[in-house]
């Protein structure tokens, strides 16, 4: 999702979540994605782009995009914090195109 900034250019923030999944059964991941898409749609805060999971199911990434990374993370935080396998996940926010300022945080372990 791309939106014009005050200067007339477009910006795209990114949120990348590195998680420790621990299973080759992806049903819980798909259920999480469904919940994320519902809240993102209801709040208009971005889009869930895709996921990547290791072949052995050990870990993976979720990729989300939005003009305001902070708003996106705050919208999805309750869902992430309520999901057992998201404990300890690293949430990285990038405030623009690749090379822009970044920040990251770890979700509390369950």
N, C-alpha and C. Protein backbone atom coordinates (compact mmCIF):
# COMPACT_ATOMS: atom_id res chain seq x y z
N UNK A 1 0.85 -1.16 0.00
CA UNK A 1 0.00 0.00 0.00
C UNK A 1 0.90 1.23 0.00
N UNK A 2 0.65 2.15 -0.87
CA UNK A 2 1.47 3.35 -1.02
C UNK A 2 0.57 4.57 -0.90
N UNK A 3 1.04 5.57 -0.16
CA UNK A 3 0.24 6.78 0.00
C UNK A 3 1.13 7.99 -0.19
N UNK A 4 0.57 9.10 -0.68
CA UNK A 4 1.38 10.29 -0.85
C UNK A 4 1.76 10.89 0.49
N UNK A 5 2.98 11.36 0.59
CA UNK A 5 3.42 12.05 1.80
C UNK A 5 3.15 13.54 1.62
N UNK A 6 3.45 14.32 2.65
CA UNK A 6 3.20 15.76 2.60
C UNK A 6 3.95 16.42 1.45
N UNK A 7 5.11 15.89 1.09
CA UNK A 7 5.91 16.47 0.02
C UNK A 7 5.49 16.02 -1.35
N UNK A 8 4.44 15.18 -1.45
CA UNK A 8 3.96 14.75 -2.75
C UNK A 8 4.58 13.46 -3.23
N UNK A 9 5.61 12.96 -2.55
CA UNK A 9 6.21 11.69 -2.96
C UNK A 9 5.45 10.56 -2.28
N UNK A 10 5.72 9.33 -2.68
CA UNK A 10 5.05 8.21 -2.06
C UNK A 10 5.99 7.56 -1.06
N UNK A 11 5.40 7.04 0.02
CA UNK A 11 6.18 6.33 1.02
C UNK A 11 5.51 5.00 1.27
N UNK A 12 6.32 4.03 1.61
CA UNK A 12 5.79 2.74 1.97
C UNK A 12 6.59 2.23 3.15
N UNK A 13 5.93 2.07 4.28
CA UNK A 13 6.56 1.49 5.45
C UNK A 13 6.37 -0.02 5.37
N UNK A 14 7.25 -0.73 6.02
CA UNK A 14 7.17 -2.18 6.05
C UNK A 14 7.26 -2.67 7.48
N UNK A 15 6.55 -3.74 7.77
CA UNK A 15 6.64 -4.43 9.05
C UNK A 15 6.98 -5.88 8.72
N UNK A 16 8.10 -6.34 9.28
CA UNK A 16 8.54 -7.72 9.10
C UNK A 16 8.55 -8.38 10.47
N UNK A 17 7.91 -9.52 10.58
CA UNK A 17 7.84 -10.23 11.85
C UNK A 17 8.56 -11.56 11.70
N UNK A 18 9.63 -11.74 12.49
CA UNK A 18 10.38 -13.00 12.50
C UNK A 18 9.87 -13.82 13.68
N UNK A 19 9.30 -14.98 13.40
CA UNK A 19 8.69 -15.80 14.44
C UNK A 19 9.31 -17.19 14.49
N UNK A 20 9.23 -17.80 15.66
CA UNK A 20 9.64 -19.19 15.86
C UNK A 20 8.37 -20.02 15.83
N UNK A 21 8.14 -20.72 14.73
CA UNK A 21 6.86 -21.40 14.56
C UNK A 21 6.84 -22.78 15.22
N UNK A 22 7.72 -23.68 14.80
CA UNK A 22 7.86 -24.97 15.46
C UNK A 22 6.96 -26.08 14.98
N UNK A 23 6.43 -26.00 13.76
CA UNK A 23 5.58 -27.07 13.24
C UNK A 23 5.52 -26.99 11.72
N UNK A 24 5.36 -28.14 11.09
CA UNK A 24 5.14 -28.14 9.64
C UNK A 24 3.65 -28.08 9.31
N UNK A 25 2.79 -28.16 10.32
CA UNK A 25 1.35 -27.98 10.14
C UNK A 25 1.08 -26.48 10.18
N UNK A 26 0.70 -25.91 9.08
CA UNK A 26 0.56 -24.46 8.98
C UNK A 26 -0.85 -23.95 9.31
N UNK A 27 -1.73 -24.79 9.83
CA UNK A 27 -3.11 -24.36 10.09
C UNK A 27 -3.17 -23.21 11.09
N UNK A 28 -2.34 -23.22 12.13
CA UNK A 28 -2.36 -22.12 13.10
C UNK A 28 -1.84 -20.83 12.48
N UNK A 29 -0.87 -20.93 11.60
CA UNK A 29 -0.35 -19.75 10.90
C UNK A 29 -1.44 -19.17 10.00
N UNK A 30 -2.14 -20.03 9.27
CA UNK A 30 -3.22 -19.55 8.40
C UNK A 30 -4.33 -18.89 9.21
N UNK A 31 -4.64 -19.45 10.38
CA UNK A 31 -5.66 -18.86 11.25
C UNK A 31 -5.21 -17.48 11.74
N UNK A 32 -3.92 -17.36 12.09
CA UNK A 32 -3.38 -16.06 12.50
C UNK A 32 -3.49 -15.06 11.35
N UNK A 33 -3.13 -15.48 10.15
CA UNK A 33 -3.22 -14.58 8.99
C UNK A 33 -4.66 -14.13 8.76
N UNK A 34 -5.63 -15.02 8.93
CA UNK A 34 -7.04 -14.64 8.78
C UNK A 34 -7.41 -13.56 9.78
N UNK A 35 -7.00 -13.73 11.05
CA UNK A 35 -7.31 -12.73 12.08
C UNK A 35 -6.61 -11.40 11.77
N UNK A 36 -5.35 -11.46 11.32
CA UNK A 36 -4.62 -10.23 10.97
C UNK A 36 -5.32 -9.51 9.82
N UNK A 37 -5.73 -10.25 8.79
CA UNK A 37 -6.40 -9.62 7.65
C UNK A 37 -7.72 -8.98 8.07
N UNK A 38 -8.43 -9.60 9.00
CA UNK A 38 -9.70 -9.02 9.47
C UNK A 38 -9.47 -7.69 10.17
N UNK A 39 -8.49 -7.63 11.09
CA UNK A 39 -8.26 -6.38 11.82
C UNK A 39 -7.66 -5.32 10.91
N UNK A 40 -6.78 -5.72 10.01
CA UNK A 40 -6.19 -4.75 9.07
C UNK A 40 -7.28 -4.15 8.18
N UNK A 41 -8.19 -4.99 7.71
CA UNK A 41 -9.30 -4.51 6.87
C UNK A 41 -10.23 -3.59 7.67
N UNK A 42 -10.53 -3.99 8.90
CA UNK A 42 -11.46 -3.19 9.73
C UNK A 42 -10.87 -1.83 10.10
N UNK A 43 -9.55 -1.77 10.29
CA UNK A 43 -8.91 -0.52 10.72
C UNK A 43 -8.32 0.26 9.55
N UNK A 44 -8.23 -0.35 8.37
CA UNK A 44 -7.66 0.32 7.21
C UNK A 44 -6.20 0.68 7.40
N UNK A 45 -5.47 -0.20 8.09
CA UNK A 45 -4.08 0.13 8.44
C UNK A 45 -3.03 -0.55 7.59
N UNK A 46 -3.36 -1.16 6.49
CA UNK A 46 -2.30 -1.73 5.66
C UNK A 46 -2.71 -3.00 4.95
N UNK A 47 -1.71 -3.85 4.71
CA UNK A 47 -1.98 -5.12 4.05
C UNK A 47 -0.98 -6.16 4.49
N UNK A 48 -1.48 -7.39 4.63
CA UNK A 48 -0.63 -8.55 4.88
C UNK A 48 -0.20 -9.03 3.51
N UNK A 49 1.11 -8.99 3.25
CA UNK A 49 1.60 -9.30 1.91
C UNK A 49 1.82 -10.80 1.73
N UNK A 50 2.61 -11.41 2.61
CA UNK A 50 2.91 -12.84 2.45
C UNK A 50 3.61 -13.35 3.69
N UNK A 51 3.87 -14.68 3.70
CA UNK A 51 4.68 -15.28 4.75
C UNK A 51 5.72 -16.19 4.11
N UNK A 52 6.76 -16.46 4.87
CA UNK A 52 7.77 -17.45 4.50
C UNK A 52 7.99 -18.31 5.73
N UNK A 53 7.98 -19.62 5.56
CA UNK A 53 8.22 -20.55 6.67
C UNK A 53 9.29 -21.53 6.23
N UNK A 54 10.23 -21.82 7.13
CA UNK A 54 11.29 -22.80 6.84
C UNK A 54 10.65 -24.15 6.53
N UNK A 55 11.30 -24.92 5.68
CA UNK A 55 10.77 -26.24 5.29
C UNK A 55 10.51 -27.13 6.50
N UNK A 56 11.32 -27.01 7.56
CA UNK A 56 11.11 -27.83 8.75
C UNK A 56 10.13 -27.20 9.73
N UNK A 57 9.57 -26.03 9.37
CA UNK A 57 8.58 -25.36 10.20
C UNK A 57 9.14 -24.65 11.42
N UNK A 58 10.46 -24.59 11.53
CA UNK A 58 11.07 -24.04 12.74
C UNK A 58 10.82 -22.55 12.93
N UNK A 59 10.92 -21.78 11.87
CA UNK A 59 10.76 -20.33 12.00
C UNK A 59 10.25 -19.78 10.68
N UNK A 60 9.92 -18.50 10.71
CA UNK A 60 9.42 -17.89 9.49
C UNK A 60 9.27 -16.39 9.63
N UNK A 61 8.69 -15.79 8.61
CA UNK A 61 8.51 -14.35 8.54
C UNK A 61 7.11 -14.04 8.02
N UNK A 62 6.54 -12.94 8.54
CA UNK A 62 5.34 -12.33 7.98
C UNK A 62 5.74 -10.97 7.46
N UNK A 63 5.23 -10.58 6.29
CA UNK A 63 5.55 -9.30 5.67
C UNK A 63 4.27 -8.50 5.51
N UNK A 64 4.28 -7.28 6.05
CA UNK A 64 3.12 -6.40 5.99
C UNK A 64 3.58 -5.03 5.51
N UNK A 65 2.68 -4.30 4.84
CA UNK A 65 3.02 -2.97 4.30
C UNK A 65 1.91 -1.98 4.63
N UNK A 66 2.32 -0.71 4.78
CA UNK A 66 1.39 0.33 5.21
C UNK A 66 2.12 1.67 5.17
N UNK A 67 1.43 2.76 4.92
CA UNK A 67 2.08 4.07 4.97
C UNK A 67 2.51 4.48 6.38
N UNK A 68 1.99 3.82 7.44
CA UNK A 68 2.35 4.16 8.81
C UNK A 68 2.61 2.87 9.59
N UNK A 69 3.88 2.48 9.70
CA UNK A 69 4.25 1.22 10.36
C UNK A 69 3.81 1.20 11.81
N UNK A 70 3.91 2.33 12.51
CA UNK A 70 3.52 2.36 13.91
C UNK A 70 2.02 2.07 14.07
N UNK A 71 1.18 2.67 13.23
CA UNK A 71 -0.27 2.43 13.30
C UNK A 71 -0.59 0.97 12.99
N UNK A 72 0.09 0.39 12.03
CA UNK A 72 -0.14 -1.01 11.68
C UNK A 72 0.19 -1.92 12.85
N UNK A 73 1.36 -1.72 13.46
CA UNK A 73 1.76 -2.58 14.58
C UNK A 73 0.79 -2.42 15.75
N UNK A 74 0.37 -1.21 16.05
CA UNK A 74 -0.56 -1.03 17.16
C UNK A 74 -1.90 -1.69 16.86
N UNK A 75 -2.34 -1.70 15.62
CA UNK A 75 -3.60 -2.34 15.26
C UNK A 75 -3.53 -3.86 15.42
N UNK A 76 -2.40 -4.46 15.08
CA UNK A 76 -2.29 -5.93 15.11
C UNK A 76 -1.69 -6.46 16.41
N UNK A 77 -1.15 -5.59 17.25
CA UNK A 77 -0.48 -6.02 18.48
C UNK A 77 -1.33 -6.96 19.34
N UNK A 78 -2.61 -6.66 19.61
CA UNK A 78 -3.39 -7.57 20.46
C UNK A 78 -3.49 -8.98 19.88
N UNK A 79 -3.59 -9.09 18.57
CA UNK A 79 -3.67 -10.41 17.94
C UNK A 79 -2.34 -11.13 18.07
N UNK A 80 -1.24 -10.43 17.81
CA UNK A 80 0.08 -11.04 17.94
C UNK A 80 0.33 -11.51 19.36
N UNK A 81 0.04 -10.63 20.34
CA UNK A 81 0.29 -10.96 21.74
C UNK A 81 -0.60 -12.09 22.24
N UNK A 82 -1.75 -12.31 21.61
CA UNK A 82 -2.64 -13.38 22.01
C UNK A 82 -2.35 -14.72 21.35
N UNK A 83 -1.35 -14.76 20.49
CA UNK A 83 -1.02 -15.97 19.74
C UNK A 83 0.18 -16.67 20.39
N UNK A 84 0.01 -17.91 20.79
CA UNK A 84 1.04 -18.65 21.52
C UNK A 84 2.39 -18.67 20.81
N UNK A 85 2.43 -18.95 19.52
CA UNK A 85 3.71 -19.09 18.84
C UNK A 85 4.37 -17.76 18.49
N UNK A 86 3.70 -16.63 18.77
CA UNK A 86 4.30 -15.33 18.49
C UNK A 86 5.15 -14.82 19.65
N UNK A 87 5.11 -15.49 20.80
CA UNK A 87 5.93 -15.08 21.94
C UNK A 87 7.41 -15.09 21.56
N UNK A 88 8.10 -13.98 21.79
CA UNK A 88 9.51 -13.86 21.45
C UNK A 88 9.76 -13.44 20.01
N UNK A 89 8.70 -13.25 19.23
CA UNK A 89 8.87 -12.84 17.83
C UNK A 89 9.48 -11.44 17.77
N UNK A 90 10.31 -11.21 16.76
CA UNK A 90 10.88 -9.88 16.54
C UNK A 90 10.03 -9.14 15.52
N UNK A 91 9.58 -7.94 15.89
CA UNK A 91 8.78 -7.09 15.02
C UNK A 91 9.66 -5.94 14.59
N UNK A 92 9.96 -5.90 13.29
CA UNK A 92 10.82 -4.84 12.75
C UNK A 92 9.99 -3.90 11.89
N UNK A 93 10.12 -2.60 12.18
CA UNK A 93 9.41 -1.57 11.41
C UNK A 93 10.44 -0.80 10.58
N UNK A 94 10.14 -0.63 9.30
CA UNK A 94 10.98 0.18 8.42
C UNK A 94 10.14 1.37 7.96
N UNK A 95 10.67 2.56 8.16
CA UNK A 95 9.93 3.79 7.91
C UNK A 95 10.25 4.39 6.53
N UNK A 96 10.00 3.63 5.49
CA UNK A 96 10.25 4.09 4.14
C UNK A 96 10.79 2.96 3.28
N UNK A 97 11.44 3.33 2.20
CA UNK A 97 12.00 2.34 1.28
C UNK A 97 13.22 1.68 1.90
N UNK A 98 13.70 0.57 1.34
CA UNK A 98 14.89 -0.09 1.88
C UNK A 98 16.03 0.91 2.11
N UNK A 99 16.64 0.79 3.29
CA UNK A 99 17.70 1.71 3.68
C UNK A 99 17.22 2.81 4.60
N UNK A 100 15.89 2.95 4.76
CA UNK A 100 15.32 3.98 5.63
C UNK A 100 15.49 3.56 7.10
N UNK A 101 15.19 4.48 7.99
CA UNK A 101 15.26 4.24 9.43
C UNK A 101 14.43 3.01 9.79
N UNK A 102 14.94 2.22 10.74
CA UNK A 102 14.25 1.03 11.22
C UNK A 102 14.23 1.01 12.74
N UNK A 103 13.26 0.31 13.30
CA UNK A 103 13.24 0.02 14.72
C UNK A 103 12.72 -1.39 14.90
N UNK A 104 13.04 -2.00 16.03
CA UNK A 104 12.54 -3.35 16.26
C UNK A 104 12.27 -3.56 17.74
N UNK A 105 11.42 -4.54 18.00
CA UNK A 105 11.07 -4.91 19.36
C UNK A 105 10.77 -6.41 19.37
N UNK A 106 10.88 -7.01 20.54
CA UNK A 106 10.51 -8.43 20.70
C UNK A 106 9.22 -8.49 21.49
N UNK A 107 8.33 -9.36 21.03
CA UNK A 107 7.10 -9.59 21.78
C UNK A 107 7.42 -10.45 23.00
N UNK A 108 6.70 -10.23 24.06
CA UNK A 108 6.92 -10.99 25.30
C UNK A 108 6.66 -12.47 25.05
N UNK A 109 7.47 -13.32 25.66
CA UNK A 109 7.25 -14.77 25.57
C UNK A 109 6.07 -15.16 26.44
N UNK A 110 5.34 -16.17 25.98
CA UNK A 110 4.17 -16.67 26.72
C UNK A 110 4.61 -17.64 27.81
